[in-house]
Amino acid sequence: MIYTANTLQHARLGLAVSRKYGNAVQRNRLKRQWRECFRNSGIRRLAVDVLAMPTRPQSRMNRPVEDIQQAFERLRCKLEQAA
């Protein structure tokens, strides 16, 4: 996950899922799940741009949704402490 501050009053999410992750159905499902996690996270009210990229193929990811939720929470805490 890569992030940077933006000049808006809200966060934006970018997803980059390569074909190494899996077929189109698997990639689109992961993106839908990650977008939903982003919508439900507290990070949306911060002024930050986030780029999320899976580093492992789908066959080796055990809990992709829980992993991204934890990553969003860690990032939110880190950004709130810095502010």
Protein backbone atom coordinates (compact mmCIF):
# COMPACT_ATOMS: atom_id res chain seq x y z
CA MET A 1 0.00 0.00 0.00
CA ILE A 2 1.31 3.40 -1.02
CA TYR A 3 -0.19 6.65 0.25
CA THR A 4 0.31 10.39 -0.07
CA ALA A 5 -1.49 13.47 1.18
CA ASN A 6 -3.96 15.25 -1.09
CA THR A 7 -5.58 18.69 -1.04
CA LEU A 8 -9.13 17.35 -0.85
CA GLN A 9 -11.17 16.87 2.31
CA HIS A 10 -11.57 13.14 1.70
CA ALA A 11 -9.56 10.07 0.81
CA ARG A 12 -9.34 8.45 -2.61
CA LEU A 13 -8.53 4.83 -3.39
CA GLY A 14 -6.67 3.40 -6.36
CA LEU A 15 -6.41 -0.32 -7.00
CA ALA A 16 -3.80 -2.00 -9.18
CA VAL A 17 -4.37 -5.74 -9.53
CA SER A 18 -2.19 -7.47 -12.09
CA ARG A 19 -3.02 -10.59 -14.06
CA LYS A 20 -0.59 -12.47 -11.82
CA TYR A 21 -3.26 -12.31 -9.11
CA GLY A 22 -5.74 -14.45 -11.04
CA ASN A 23 -8.31 -14.38 -13.79
CA ALA A 24 -10.66 -11.42 -14.41
CA VAL A 25 -13.37 -12.79 -12.13
CA GLN A 26 -10.95 -13.14 -9.21
CA ARG A 27 -9.40 -9.70 -9.81
CA ASN A 28 -12.78 -7.95 -10.02
CA ARG A 29 -14.06 -9.72 -6.90
CA LEU A 30 -10.98 -8.63 -4.95
CA LYS A 31 -11.41 -5.03 -6.13
CA ARG A 32 -15.10 -5.02 -5.13
CA GLN A 33 -14.23 -6.38 -1.69
CA TRP A 34 -11.40 -3.88 -1.17
CA ARG A 35 -13.57 -0.95 -2.28
CA GLU A 36 -16.21 -1.99 0.25
CA CYS A 37 -13.58 -2.18 3.00
CA PHE A 38 -12.40 1.30 2.04
CA ARG A 39 -15.96 2.66 2.21
CA ASN A 40 -16.44 1.17 5.69
CA SER A 41 -13.07 2.27 7.07
CA GLY A 42 -12.41 5.45 9.00
CA ILE A 43 -9.74 6.47 6.51
CA ARG A 44 -12.33 8.05 4.18
CA ARG A 45 -12.47 11.25 6.22
CA LEU A 46 -8.71 11.87 5.95
CA ALA A 47 -7.08 13.83 3.11
CA VAL A 48 -5.01 11.05 1.59
CA ASP A 49 -4.66 9.15 -1.68
CA VAL A 50 -4.14 5.41 -1.27
CA LEU A 51 -2.88 2.95 -3.88
CA ALA A 52 -3.42 -0.69 -2.90
CA MET A 53 -1.76 -3.54 -4.77
CA PRO A 54 -1.88 -7.22 -3.82
CA THR A 55 1.61 -8.67 -3.62
CA ARG A 56 0.66 -12.35 -3.71
CA PRO A 57 -1.42 -14.36 -6.17
CA GLN A 58 -4.97 -15.26 -5.18
CA SER A 59 -4.01 -18.87 -4.56
CA ARG A 60 -1.58 -17.78 -1.80
CA MET A 61 -3.82 -15.19 -0.09
CA ASN A 62 -5.68 -16.66 2.85
CA ARG A 63 -7.66 -13.63 4.04
CA PRO A 64 -7.49 -10.74 1.55
CA VAL A 65 -10.41 -8.81 3.05
CA GLU A 66 -9.17 -9.03 6.63
CA ASP A 67 -5.65 -8.12 5.52
CA ILE A 68 -6.76 -4.92 3.79
CA GLN A 69 -9.02 -3.97 6.72
CA GLN A 70 -6.04 -4.25 9.06
CA ALA A 71 -3.86 -2.27 6.66
CA PHE A 72 -6.45 0.53 6.42
CA GLU A 73 -6.74 0.62 10.21
CA ARG A 74 -2.94 0.81 10.68
CA LEU A 75 -2.73 3.58 8.08
CA ARG A 76 -5.58 5.51 9.71
CA CYS A 77 -3.90 5.34 13.12
CA LYS A 78 -0.57 6.38 11.63
CA LEU A 79 -2.07 9.38 9.83
CA GLU A 80 -4.12 10.51 12.82
CA GLN A 81 -1.04 10.39 15.06
CA ALA A 82 0.94 12.46 12.56
CA ALA A 83 -1.78 15.13 12.39
